[in-house]
PDB file of all heavy atoms in Angstrom:
ATOM      1  N   VAL A   1     220.377  41.402 129.931  1.00  0.00           N
ATOM      2  CA  VAL A   1     221.380  40.936 130.894  1.00  0.00           C
ATOM      3  C   VAL A   1     222.685  40.614 130.144  1.00  0.00           C
ATOM      4  O   VAL A   1     222.717  40.527 128.920  1.00  0.00           O
ATOM      5  CB  VAL A   1     220.899  39.686 131.656  1.00  0.00           C
ATOM      6  CG1 VAL A   1     219.656  39.996 132.480  1.00  0.00           C
ATOM      7  CG2 VAL A   1     220.628  38.530 130.688  1.00  0.00           C
ATOM      8  N   ASP A   2     223.745  40.432 130.919  1.00  0.00           N
ATOM      9  CA  ASP A   2     225.035  40.003 130.380  1.00  0.00           C
ATOM     10  C   ASP A   2     225.315  38.578 130.850  1.00  0.00           C
ATOM     11  O   ASP A   2     224.949  38.199 131.968  1.00  0.00           O
ATOM     12  CB  ASP A   2     226.162  40.926 130.859  1.00  0.00           C
ATOM     13  CG  ASP A   2     225.955  42.364 130.420  1.00  0.00           C
ATOM     14  OD1 ASP A   2     225.411  42.573 129.321  1.00  0.00           O
ATOM     15  OD2 ASP A   2     226.326  43.276 131.192  1.00  0.00           O
ATOM     16  N   ILE A   3     225.979  37.812 130.008  1.00  0.00           N
ATOM     17  CA  ILE A   3     226.308  36.419 130.334  1.00  0.00           C
ATOM     18  C   ILE A   3     227.822  36.273 130.405  1.00  0.00           C
ATOM     19  O   ILE A   3     228.538  36.711 129.503  1.00  0.00           O
ATOM     20  CB  ILE A   3     225.748  35.446 129.286  1.00  0.00           C
ATOM     21  CG1 ILE A   3     224.233  35.624 129.139  1.00  0.00           C
ATOM     22  CG2 ILE A   3     226.077  34.004 129.647  1.00  0.00           C
ATOM     23  CD1 ILE A   3     223.646  34.829 127.988  1.00  0.00           C
ATOM     24  N   ARG A   4     228.277  35.655 131.486  1.00  0.00           N
ATOM     25  CA  ARG A   4     229.702  35.354 131.660  1.00  0.00           C
ATOM     26  C   ARG A   4     229.843  33.847 131.844  1.00  0.00           C
ATOM     27  O   ARG A   4     229.309  33.284 132.790  1.00  0.00           O
ATOM     28  CB  ARG A   4     230.259  36.097 132.875  1.00  0.00           C
ATOM     29  CG  ARG A   4     231.718  35.760 133.190  1.00  0.00           C
ATOM     30  CD  ARG A   4     232.242  36.640 134.300  1.00  0.00           C
ATOM     31  NE  ARG A   4     231.500  36.459 135.534  1.00  0.00           N
ATOM     32  CZ  ARG A   4     231.517  37.311 136.561  1.00  0.00           C
ATOM     33  NH1 ARG A   4     232.211  38.422 136.469  1.00  0.00           N
ATOM     34  NH2 ARG A   4     230.816  37.069 137.644  1.00  0.00           N
ATOM     35  N   ALA A   5     230.552  33.196 130.924  1.00  0.00           N
ATOM     36  CA  ALA A   5     230.658  31.737 130.960  1.00  0.00           C
ATOM     37  C   ALA A   5     232.113  31.317 131.077  1.00  0.00           C
ATOM     38  O   ALA A   5     232.964  31.743 130.288  1.00  0.00           O
ATOM     39  CB  ALA A   5     230.040  31.132 129.705  1.00  0.00           C
ATOM     40  N   SER A   6     232.389  30.476 132.068  1.00  0.00           N
ATOM     41  CA  SER A   6     233.701  29.848 132.204  1.00  0.00           C
ATOM     42  C   SER A   6     233.566  28.391 131.771  1.00  0.00           C
ATOM     43  O   SER A   6     232.512  27.961 131.290  1.00  0.00           O
ATOM     44  CB  SER A   6     234.177  29.938 133.651  1.00  0.00           C
ATOM     45  OG  SER A   6     233.366  29.124 134.496  1.00  0.00           O
ATOM     46  N   LYS A   7     234.596  27.616 131.977  1.00  0.00           N
ATOM     47  CA  LYS A   7     234.527  26.204 131.624  1.00  0.00           C
ATOM     48  C   LYS A   7     233.540  25.456 132.515  1.00  0.00           C
ATOM     49  O   LYS A   7     232.966  24.458 132.105  1.00  0.00           O
ATOM     50  CB  LYS A   7     235.911  25.567 131.741  1.00  0.00           C
ATOM     51  CG  LYS A   7     236.915  26.074 130.716  1.00  0.00           C
ATOM     52  CD  LYS A   7     238.256  25.403 130.899  1.00  0.00           C
ATOM     53  CE  LYS A   7     239.268  25.912 129.875  1.00  0.00           C
ATOM     54  NZ  LYS A   7     240.601  25.281 130.051  1.00  0.00           N
ATOM     55  N   GLN A   8     233.334  25.966 133.753  1.00  0.00           N
ATOM     56  CA  GLN A   8     232.489  25.252 134.715  1.00  0.00           C
ATOM     57  C   GLN A   8     231.129  25.894 134.947  1.00  0.00           C
ATOM     58  O   GLN A   8     230.177  25.213 135.308  1.00  0.00           O
ATOM     59  CB  GLN A   8     233.214  25.153 136.077  1.00  0.00           C
ATOM     60  CG  GLN A   8     234.409  24.224 136.107  1.00  0.00           C
ATOM     61  CD  GLN A   8     235.656  24.856 135.537  1.00  0.00           C
ATOM     62  OE1 GLN A   8     235.834  26.063 135.647  1.00  0.00           O
ATOM     63  NE2 GLN A   8     236.526  24.063 134.942  1.00  0.00           N
ATOM     64  N   THR A   9     231.012  27.200 134.761  1.00  0.00           N
ATOM     65  CA  THR A   9     229.782  27.884 135.154  1.00  0.00           C
ATOM     66  C   THR A   9     229.270  28.822 134.065  1.00  0.00           C
ATOM     67  O   THR A   9     230.025  29.280 133.207  1.00  0.00           O
ATOM     68  CB  THR A   9     229.994  28.721 136.444  1.00  0.00           C
ATOM     69  OG1 THR A   9     230.998  29.717 136.198  1.00  0.00           O
ATOM     70  CG2 THR A   9     230.414  27.839 137.603  1.00  0.00           C
ATOM     71  N   VAL A  10     227.968  29.099 134.148  1.00  0.00           N
ATOM     72  CA  VAL A  10     227.335  30.146 133.356  1.00  0.00           C
ATOM     73  C   VAL A  10     226.694  31.109 134.347  1.00  0.00           C
ATOM     74  O   VAL A  10     225.828  30.714 135.136  1.00  0.00           O
ATOM     75  CB  VAL A  10     226.263  29.576 132.399  1.00  0.00           C
ATOM     76  CG1 VAL A  10     225.513  30.712 131.705  1.00  0.00           C
ATOM     77  CG2 VAL A  10     226.899  28.653 131.374  1.00  0.00           C
ATOM     78  N   GLU A  11     227.142  32.361 134.324  1.00  0.00           N
ATOM     79  CA  GLU A  11     226.634  33.369 135.253  1.00  0.00           C
ATOM     80  C   GLU A  11     225.897  34.447 134.469  1.00  0.00           C
ATOM     81  O   GLU A  11     226.301  34.818 133.366  1.00  0.00           O
ATOM     82  CB  GLU A  11     227.777  33.997 136.049  1.00  0.00           C
ATOM     83  CG  GLU A  11     228.497  33.010 136.950  1.00  0.00           C
ATOM     84  CD  GLU A  11     229.644  33.628 137.701  1.00  0.00           C
ATOM     85  OE1 GLU A  11     230.273  34.579 137.163  1.00  0.00           O
ATOM     86  OE2 GLU A  11     229.930  33.179 138.816  1.00  0.00           O
ATOM     87  N   VAL A  12     224.819  34.938 135.067  1.00  0.00           N
ATOM     88  CA  VAL A  12     224.006  35.983 134.446  1.00  0.00           C
ATOM     89  C   VAL A  12     224.070  37.220 135.331  1.00  0.00           C
ATOM     90  O   VAL A  12     223.849  37.143 136.549  1.00  0.00           O
ATOM     91  CB  VAL A  12     222.543  35.519 134.275  1.00  0.00           C
ATOM     92  CG1 VAL A  12     221.748  36.568 133.511  1.00  0.00           C
ATOM     93  CG2 VAL A  12     222.474  34.173 133.564  1.00  0.00           C
ATOM     94  N   LEU A  13     224.386  38.370 134.729  1.00  0.00           N
ATOM     95  CA  LEU A  13     224.531  39.613 135.477  1.00  0.00           C
ATOM     96  C   LEU A  13     223.572  40.660 134.931  1.00  0.00           C
ATOM     97  O   LEU A  13     223.355  40.765 133.714  1.00  0.00           O
ATOM     98  CB  LEU A  13     225.969  40.143 135.396  1.00  0.00           C
ATOM     99  CG  LEU A  13     227.051  39.239 135.986  1.00  0.00           C
ATOM    100  CD1 LEU A  13     227.653  38.335 134.908  1.00  0.00           C
ATOM    101  CD2 LEU A  13     228.149  40.054 136.647  1.00  0.00           C
ATOM    102  N   TYR A  14     223.019  41.431 135.847  1.00  0.00           N
ATOM    103  CA  TYR A  14     222.147  42.553 135.492  1.00  0.00           C
ATOM    104  C   TYR A  14     222.740  43.809 136.103  1.00  0.00           C
ATOM    105  O   TYR A  14     222.863  43.906 137.339  1.00  0.00           O
ATOM    106  CB  TYR A  14     220.732  42.315 136.015  1.00  0.00           C
ATOM    107  CG  TYR A  14     219.775  43.457 135.760  1.00  0.00           C
ATOM    108  CD1 TYR A  14     219.287  43.696 134.476  1.00  0.00           C
ATOM    109  CD2 TYR A  14     219.360  44.290 136.797  1.00  0.00           C
ATOM    110  CE1 TYR A  14     218.407  44.732 134.226  1.00  0.00           C
ATOM    111  CE2 TYR A  14     218.473  45.330 136.562  1.00  0.00           C
ATOM    112  CZ  TYR A  14     218.005  45.561 135.275  1.00  0.00           C
ATOM    113  OH  TYR A  14     217.136  46.594 135.033  1.00  0.00           O
ATOM    114  N   GLN A  15     223.152  44.744 135.251  1.00  0.00           N
ATOM    115  CA  GLN A  15     223.816  45.966 135.698  1.00  0.00           C
ATOM    116  C   GLN A  15     224.988  45.637 136.628  1.00  0.00           C
ATOM    117  O   GLN A  15     225.144  46.209 137.699  1.00  0.00           O
ATOM    118  CB  GLN A  15     222.811  46.909 136.378  1.00  0.00           C
ATOM    119  CG  GLN A  15     221.712  47.377 135.437  1.00  0.00           C
ATOM    120  CD  GLN A  15     220.733  48.334 136.069  1.00  0.00           C
ATOM    121  OE1 GLN A  15     220.780  48.597 137.264  1.00  0.00           O
ATOM    122  NE2 GLN A  15     219.822  48.854 135.268  1.00  0.00           N
ATOM    123  N   ARG A  16     225.769  44.638 136.184  1.00  0.00           N
ATOM    124  CA  ARG A  16     226.995  44.173 136.848  1.00  0.00           C
ATOM    125  C   ARG A  16     226.730  43.473 138.188  1.00  0.00           C
ATOM    126  O   ARG A  16     227.660  43.159 138.925  1.00  0.00           O
ATOM    127  CB  ARG A  16     228.000  45.321 137.055  1.00  0.00           C
ATOM    128  CG  ARG A  16     228.510  45.877 135.733  1.00  0.00           C
ATOM    129  CD  ARG A  16     229.692  46.817 135.925  1.00  0.00           C
ATOM    130  NE  ARG A  16     230.810  46.177 136.577  1.00  0.00           N
ATOM    131  CZ  ARG A  16     231.659  45.341 135.970  1.00  0.00           C
ATOM    132  NH1 ARG A  16     231.485  45.037 134.699  1.00  0.00           N
ATOM    133  NH2 ARG A  16     232.672  44.821 136.632  1.00  0.00           N
ATOM    134  N   GLN A  17     225.470  43.199 138.522  1.00  0.00           N
ATOM    135  CA  GLN A  17     225.137  42.445 139.716  1.00  0.00           C
ATOM    136  C   GLN A  17     224.768  41.014 139.326  1.00  0.00           C
ATOM    137  O   GLN A  17     224.017  40.798 138.375  1.00  0.00           O
ATOM    138  CB  GLN A  17     223.964  43.096 140.465  1.00  0.00           C
ATOM    139  CG  GLN A  17     224.240  44.514 140.927  1.00  0.00           C
ATOM    140  CD  GLN A  17     225.390  44.587 141.911  1.00  0.00           C
ATOM    141  OE1 GLN A  17     225.481  43.798 142.857  1.00  0.00           O
ATOM    142  NE2 GLN A  17     226.281  45.542 141.700  1.00  0.00           N
ATOM    143  N   LEU A  18     225.301  40.042 140.077  1.00  0.00           N
ATOM    144  CA  LEU A  18     225.062  38.643 139.753  1.00  0.00           C
ATOM    145  C   LEU A  18     223.621  38.260 140.031  1.00  0.00           C
ATOM    146  O   LEU A  18     223.132  38.392 141.145  1.00  0.00           O
ATOM    147  CB  LEU A  18     226.013  37.758 140.571  1.00  0.00           C
ATOM    148  CG  LEU A  18     225.940  36.251 140.290  1.00  0.00           C
ATOM    149  CD1 LEU A  18     226.387  35.944 138.860  1.00  0.00           C
ATOM    150  CD2 LEU A  18     226.804  35.484 141.290  1.00  0.00           C
ATOM    151  N   LEU A  19     222.931  37.765 138.997  1.00  0.00           N
ATOM    152  CA  LEU A  19     221.545  37.311 139.142  1.00  0.00           C
ATOM    153  C   LEU A  19     221.456  35.812 139.356  1.00  0.00           C
ATOM    154  O   LEU A  19     220.652  35.330 140.147  1.00  0.00           O
ATOM    155  CB  LEU A  19     220.739  37.661 137.883  1.00  0.00           C
ATOM    156  CG  LEU A  19     220.257  39.067 137.662  1.00  0.00           C
ATOM    157  CD1 LEU A  19     219.368  39.087 136.436  1.00  0.00           C
ATOM    158  CD2 LEU A  19     219.512  39.599 138.872  1.00  0.00           C
ATOM    159  N   ALA A  20     222.257  35.063 138.602  1.00  0.00           N
ATOM    160  CA  ALA A  20     222.137  33.607 138.628  1.00  0.00           C
ATOM    161  C   ALA A  20     223.464  32.976 138.265  1.00  0.00           C
ATOM    162  O   ALA A  20     224.254  33.533 137.500  1.00  0.00           O
ATOM    163  CB  ALA A  20     221.052  33.148 137.658  1.00  0.00           C
ATOM    164  N   SER A  21     223.677  31.795 138.829  1.00  0.00           N
ATOM    165  CA  SER A  21     224.879  31.022 138.517  1.00  0.00           C
ATOM    166  C   SER A  21     224.472  29.569 138.328  1.00  0.00           C
ATOM    167  O   SER A  21     223.817  28.975 139.195  1.00  0.00           O
ATOM    168  CB  SER A  21     225.914  31.157 139.641  1.00  0.00           C
ATOM    169  OG  SER A  21     227.072  30.416 139.335  1.00  0.00           O
ATOM    170  N   HIS A  22     224.852  28.992 137.198  1.00  0.00           N
ATOM    171  CA  HIS A  22     224.512  27.610 136.871  1.00  0.00           C
ATOM    172  C   HIS A  22     225.781  26.826 136.561  1.00  0.00           C
ATOM    173  O   HIS A  22     226.753  27.381 136.039  1.00  0.00           O
ATOM    174  CB  HIS A  22     223.607  27.542 135.632  1.00  0.00           C
ATOM    175  CG  HIS A  22     222.268  28.167 135.811  1.00  0.00           C
ATOM    176  ND1 HIS A  22     221.157  27.449 136.185  1.00  0.00           N
ATOM    177  CD2 HIS A  22     221.859  29.460 135.659  1.00  0.00           C
ATOM    178  CE1 HIS A  22     220.106  28.258 136.245  1.00  0.00           C
ATOM    179  NE2 HIS A  22     220.506  29.484 135.928  1.00  0.00           N
ATOM    180  N   GLU A  23     225.758  25.555 136.871  1.00  0.00           N
ATOM    181  CA  GLU A  23     226.821  24.684 136.395  1.00  0.00           C
ATOM    182  C   GLU A  23     226.675  24.544 134.884  1.00  0.00           C
ATOM    183  O   GLU A  23     225.583  24.289 134.379  1.00  0.00           O
ATOM    184  CB  GLU A  23     226.728  23.312 137.063  1.00  0.00           C
ATOM    185  CG  GLU A  23     227.848  22.370 136.669  1.00  0.00           C
ATOM    186  CD  GLU A  23     227.765  21.038 137.388  1.00  0.00           C
ATOM    187  OE1 GLU A  23     226.942  20.914 138.325  1.00  0.00           O
ATOM    188  OE2 GLU A  23     228.514  20.119 136.993  1.00  0.00           O
ATOM    189  N   ARG A  24     227.747  24.752 134.172  1.00  0.00           N
ATOM    190  CA  ARG A  24     227.676  24.744 132.716  1.00  0.00           C
ATOM    191  C   ARG A  24     227.574  23.322 132.169  1.00  0.00           C
ATOM    192  O   ARG A  24     228.303  22.426 132.605  1.00  0.00           O
ATOM    193  CB  ARG A  24     228.905  25.434 132.122  1.00  0.00           C
ATOM    194  CG  ARG A  24     228.881  25.513 130.604  1.00  0.00           C
ATOM    195  CD  ARG A  24     230.031  26.346 130.074  1.00  0.00           C
ATOM    196  NE  ARG A  24     230.017  26.432 128.627  1.00  0.00           N
ATOM    197  CZ  ARG A  24     230.872  27.174 127.911  1.00  0.00           C
ATOM    198  NH1 ARG A  24     231.801  27.883 128.542  1.00  0.00           N
ATOM    199  NH2 ARG A  24     230.788  27.201 126.598  1.00  0.00           N
ATOM    200  N   SER A  25     226.671  23.147 131.235  1.00  0.00           N
ATOM    201  CA  SER A  25     226.531  21.870 130.554  1.00  0.00           C
ATOM    202  C   SER A  25     227.147  21.980 129.168  1.00  0.00           C
ATOM    203  O   SER A  25     226.942  22.977 128.460  1.00  0.00           O
ATOM    204  CB  SER A  25     225.057  21.491 130.429  1.00  0.00           C
ATOM    205  OG  SER A  25     224.915  20.343 129.615  1.00  0.00           O
ATOM    206  N   HIS A  26     227.905  20.977 128.781  1.00  0.00           N
ATOM    207  CA  HIS A  26     228.515  20.968 127.456  1.00  0.00           C
ATOM    208  C   HIS A  26     227.735  20.072 126.492  1.00  0.00           C
ATOM    209  O   HIS A  26     228.186  19.796 125.390  1.00  0.00           O
ATOM    210  CB  HIS A  26     229.976  20.529 127.561  1.00  0.00           C
ATOM    211  CG  HIS A  26     230.818  21.516 128.319  1.00  0.00           C
ATOM    212  ND1 HIS A  26     231.316  22.660 127.751  1.00  0.00           N
ATOM    213  CD2 HIS A  26     231.207  21.538 129.616  1.00  0.00           C
ATOM    214  CE1 HIS A  26     232.004  23.342 128.654  1.00  0.00           C
ATOM    215  NE2 HIS A  26     231.951  22.679 129.789  1.00  0.00           N
ATOM    216  N   GLU A  27     226.560  19.626 126.958  1.00  0.00           N
ATOM    217  CA  GLU A  27     225.626  18.973 126.050  1.00  0.00           C
ATOM    218  C   GLU A  27     224.722  20.047 125.449  1.00  0.00           C
ATOM    219  O   GLU A  27     224.789  21.212 125.820  1.00  0.00           O
ATOM    220  CB  GLU A  27     224.816  17.909 126.796  1.00  0.00           C
ATOM    221  CG  GLU A  27     225.683  16.785 127.371  1.00  0.00           C
ATOM    222  CD  GLU A  27     224.861  15.750 128.110  1.00  0.00           C
ATOM    223  OE1 GLU A  27     223.633  15.923 128.193  1.00  0.00           O
ATOM    224  OE2 GLU A  27     225.457  14.779 128.595  1.00  0.00           O
ATOM    225  N   VAL A  28     223.862  19.682 124.543  1.00  0.00           N
ATOM    226  CA  VAL A  28     223.032  20.657 123.834  1.00  0.00           C
ATOM    227  C   VAL A  28     221.562  20.290 123.975  1.00  0.00           C
ATOM    228  O   VAL A  28     221.203  19.111 123.985  1.00  0.00           O
ATOM    229  CB  VAL A  28     223.423  20.712 122.333  1.00  0.00           C
ATOM    230  CG1 VAL A  28     222.500  21.660 121.569  1.00  0.00           C
ATOM    231  CG2 VAL A  28     224.867  21.150 122.178  1.00  0.00           C
ATOM    232  N   GLY A  29     220.721  21.328 124.118  1.00  0.00           N
ATOM    233  CA  GLY A  29     219.285  21.109 124.097  1.00  0.00           C
ATOM    234  C   GLY A  29     218.653  20.920 125.458  1.00  0.00           C
ATOM    235  O   GLY A  29     217.559  20.354 125.554  1.00  0.00           O
ATOM    236  N   THR A  30     219.303  21.408 126.534  1.00  0.00           N
ATOM    237  CA  THR A  30     218.774  21.228 127.889  1.00  0.00           C
ATOM    238  C   THR A  30     218.347  22.566 128.466  1.00  0.00           C
ATOM    239  O   THR A  30     218.957  23.603 128.199  1.00  0.00           O
ATOM    240  CB  THR A  30     219.845  20.590 128.803  1.00  0.00           C
ATOM    241  OG1 THR A  30     220.325  19.392 128.191  1.00  0.00           O
ATOM    242  CG2 THR A  30     219.264  20.260 130.169  1.00  0.00           C
ATOM    243  N   ILE A  31     217.275  22.543 129.258  1.00  0.00           N
ATOM    244  CA  ILE A  31     216.811  23.738 129.974  1.00  0.00           C
ATOM    245  C   ILE A  31     217.149  23.563 131.450  1.00  0.00           C
ATOM    246  O   ILE A  31     216.784  22.557 132.067  1.00  0.00           O
ATOM    247  CB  ILE A  31     215.297  23.942 129.796  1.00  0.00           C
ATOM    248  CG1 ILE A  31     214.971  24.226 128.334  1.00  0.00           C
ATOM    249  CG2 ILE A  31     214.799  25.089 130.677  1.00  0.00           C
ATOM    250  CD1 ILE A  31     213.483  24.354 128.040  1.00  0.00           C
ATOM    251  N   PHE A  32     217.854  24.533 132.006  1.00  0.00           N
ATOM    252  CA  PHE A  32     218.232  24.498 133.424  1.00  0.00           C
ATOM    253  C   PHE A  32     217.458  25.605 134.139  1.00  0.00           C
ATOM    254  O   PHE A  32     217.747  26.786 133.960  1.00  0.00           O
ATOM    255  CB  PHE A  32     219.742  24.705 133.581  1.00  0.00           C
ATOM    256  CG  PHE A  32     220.555  23.618 132.939  1.00  0.00           C
ATOM    257  CD1 PHE A  32     220.968  23.724 131.608  1.00  0.00           C
ATOM    258  CD2 PHE A  32     220.895  22.474 133.648  1.00  0.00           C
ATOM    259  CE1 PHE A  32     221.712  22.715 131.009  1.00  0.00           C
ATOM    260  CE2 PHE A  32     221.639  21.463 133.055  1.00  0.00           C
ATOM    261  CZ  PHE A  32     222.046  21.583 131.740  1.00  0.00           C
ATOM    262  N   LYS A  33     216.474  25.189 134.934  1.00  0.00           N
ATOM    263  CA  LYS A  33     215.617  26.149 135.621  1.00  0.00           C
ATOM    264  C   LYS A  33     215.651  25.849 137.119  1.00  0.00           C
ATOM    265  O   LYS A  33     215.274  24.753 137.552  1.00  0.00           O
ATOM    266  CB  LYS A  33     214.185  26.062 135.075  1.00  0.00           C
ATOM    267  CG  LYS A  33     213.278  27.185 135.530  1.00  0.00           C
ATOM    268  CD  LYS A  33     211.908  27.120 134.848  1.00  0.00           C
ATOM    269  CE  LYS A  33     211.892  27.823 133.527  1.00  0.00           C
ATOM    270  NZ  LYS A  33     210.514  27.977 132.980  1.00  0.00           N
ATOM    271  N   LEU A  34     216.115  26.820 137.909  1.00  0.00           N
ATOM    272  CA  LEU A  34     216.208  26.654 139.355  1.00  0.00           C
ATOM    273  C   LEU A  34     214.869  26.968 140.015  1.00  0.00           C
ATOM    274  O   LEU A  34     214.178  27.924 139.631  1.00  0.00           O
ATOM    275  CB  LEU A  34     217.297  27.563 139.932  1.00  0.00           C
ATOM    276  CG  LEU A  34     218.723  27.344 139.415  1.00  0.00           C
ATOM    277  CD1 LEU A  34     219.684  28.314 140.083  1.00  0.00           C
ATOM    278  CD2 LEU A  34     219.163  25.902 139.641  1.00  0.00           C
ATOM    279  N   ASP A  35     214.506  26.187 141.044  1.00  0.00           N
ATOM    280  CA  ASP A  35     213.241  26.425 141.754  1.00  0.00           C
ATOM    281  C   ASP A  35     213.189  27.819 142.358  1.00  0.00           C
ATOM    282  O   ASP A  35     212.123  28.443 142.409  1.00  0.00           O
ATOM    283  CB  ASP A  35     213.067  25.378 142.858  1.00  0.00           C
ATOM    284  CG  ASP A  35     212.825  23.982 142.305  1.00  0.00           C
ATOM    285  OD1 ASP A  35     212.443  23.881 141.116  1.00  0.00           O
ATOM    286  OD2 ASP A  35     213.044  22.999 143.050  1.00  0.00           O
ATOM    287  N   ALA A  36     214.340  28.315 142.820  1.00  0.00           N
ATOM    288  CA  ALA A  36     214.365  29.650 143.442  1.00  0.00           C
ATOM    289  C   ALA A  36     214.017  30.750 142.456  1.00  0.00           C
ATOM    290  O   ALA A  36     213.688  31.875 142.872  1.00  0.00           O
ATOM    291  CB  ALA A  36     215.753  29.905 144.039  1.00  0.00           C
ATOM    292  N   HIS A  37     214.090  30.469 141.167  1.00  0.00           N
ATOM    293  CA  HIS A  37     213.791  31.484 140.158  1.00  0.00           C
ATOM    294  C   HIS A  37     212.319  31.508 139.754  1.00  0.00           C
ATOM    295  O   HIS A  37     211.883  32.408 139.050  1.00  0.00           O
ATOM    296  CB  HIS A  37     214.630  31.236 138.901  1.00  0.00           C
ATOM    297  CG  HIS A  37     216.106  31.408 139.133  1.00  0.00           C
ATOM    298  ND1 HIS A  37     217.062  30.928 138.258  1.00  0.00           N
ATOM    299  CD2 HIS A  37     216.778  32.028 140.146  1.00  0.00           C
ATOM    300  CE1 HIS A  37     218.268  31.243 138.720  1.00  0.00           C
ATOM    301  NE2 HIS A  37     218.121  31.889 139.860  1.00  0.00           N
ATOM    302  N   LEU A  38     211.543  30.534 140.205  1.00  0.00           N
ATOM    303  CA  LEU A  38     210.136  30.440 139.822  1.00  0.00           C
ATOM    304  C   LEU A  38     209.268  31.379 140.665  1.00  0.00           C
ATOM    305  O   LEU A  38     209.565  31.646 141.827  1.00  0.00           O
ATOM    306  CB  LEU A  38     209.644  29.009 139.997  1.00  0.00           C
ATOM    307  CG  LEU A  38     210.421  27.897 139.261  1.00  0.00           C
ATOM    308  CD1 LEU A  38     209.829  26.539 139.600  1.00  0.00           C
ATOM    309  CD2 LEU A  38     210.398  28.148 137.772  1.00  0.00           C
ATOM    310  N   PRO A  39     208.188  31.892 140.093  1.00  0.00           N
ATOM    311  CA  PRO A  39     207.246  32.674 140.909  1.00  0.00           C
ATOM    312  C   PRO A  39     206.553  31.792 141.928  1.00  0.00           C
ATOM    313  O   PRO A  39     206.456  30.577 141.763  1.00  0.00           O
ATOM    314  CB  PRO A  39     206.263  33.219 139.870  1.00  0.00           C
ATOM    315  CG  PRO A  39     206.362  32.268 138.727  1.00  0.00           C
ATOM    316  CD  PRO A  39     207.785  31.774 138.690  1.00  0.00           C
ATOM    317  N   ALA A  40     206.059  32.395 142.997  1.00  0.00           N
ATOM    318  CA  ALA A  40     205.418  31.616 144.065  1.00  0.00           C
ATOM    319  C   ALA A  40     204.179  30.884 143.552  1.00  0.00           C
ATOM    320  O   ALA A  40     203.909  29.743 143.956  1.00  0.00           O
ATOM    321  CB  ALA A  40     205.033  32.548 145.223  1.00  0.00           C
TER     322      ALA A  40
END
């Protein structure tokens, strides 16, 4: 995938299609996992 990061967001793209968008954290060592991304 490709990653596009602005000051506010981190976006993940697959073949130029947006897969995920997260609010960017400027701290270190955190995992951001959205419930919608989890398997059933």
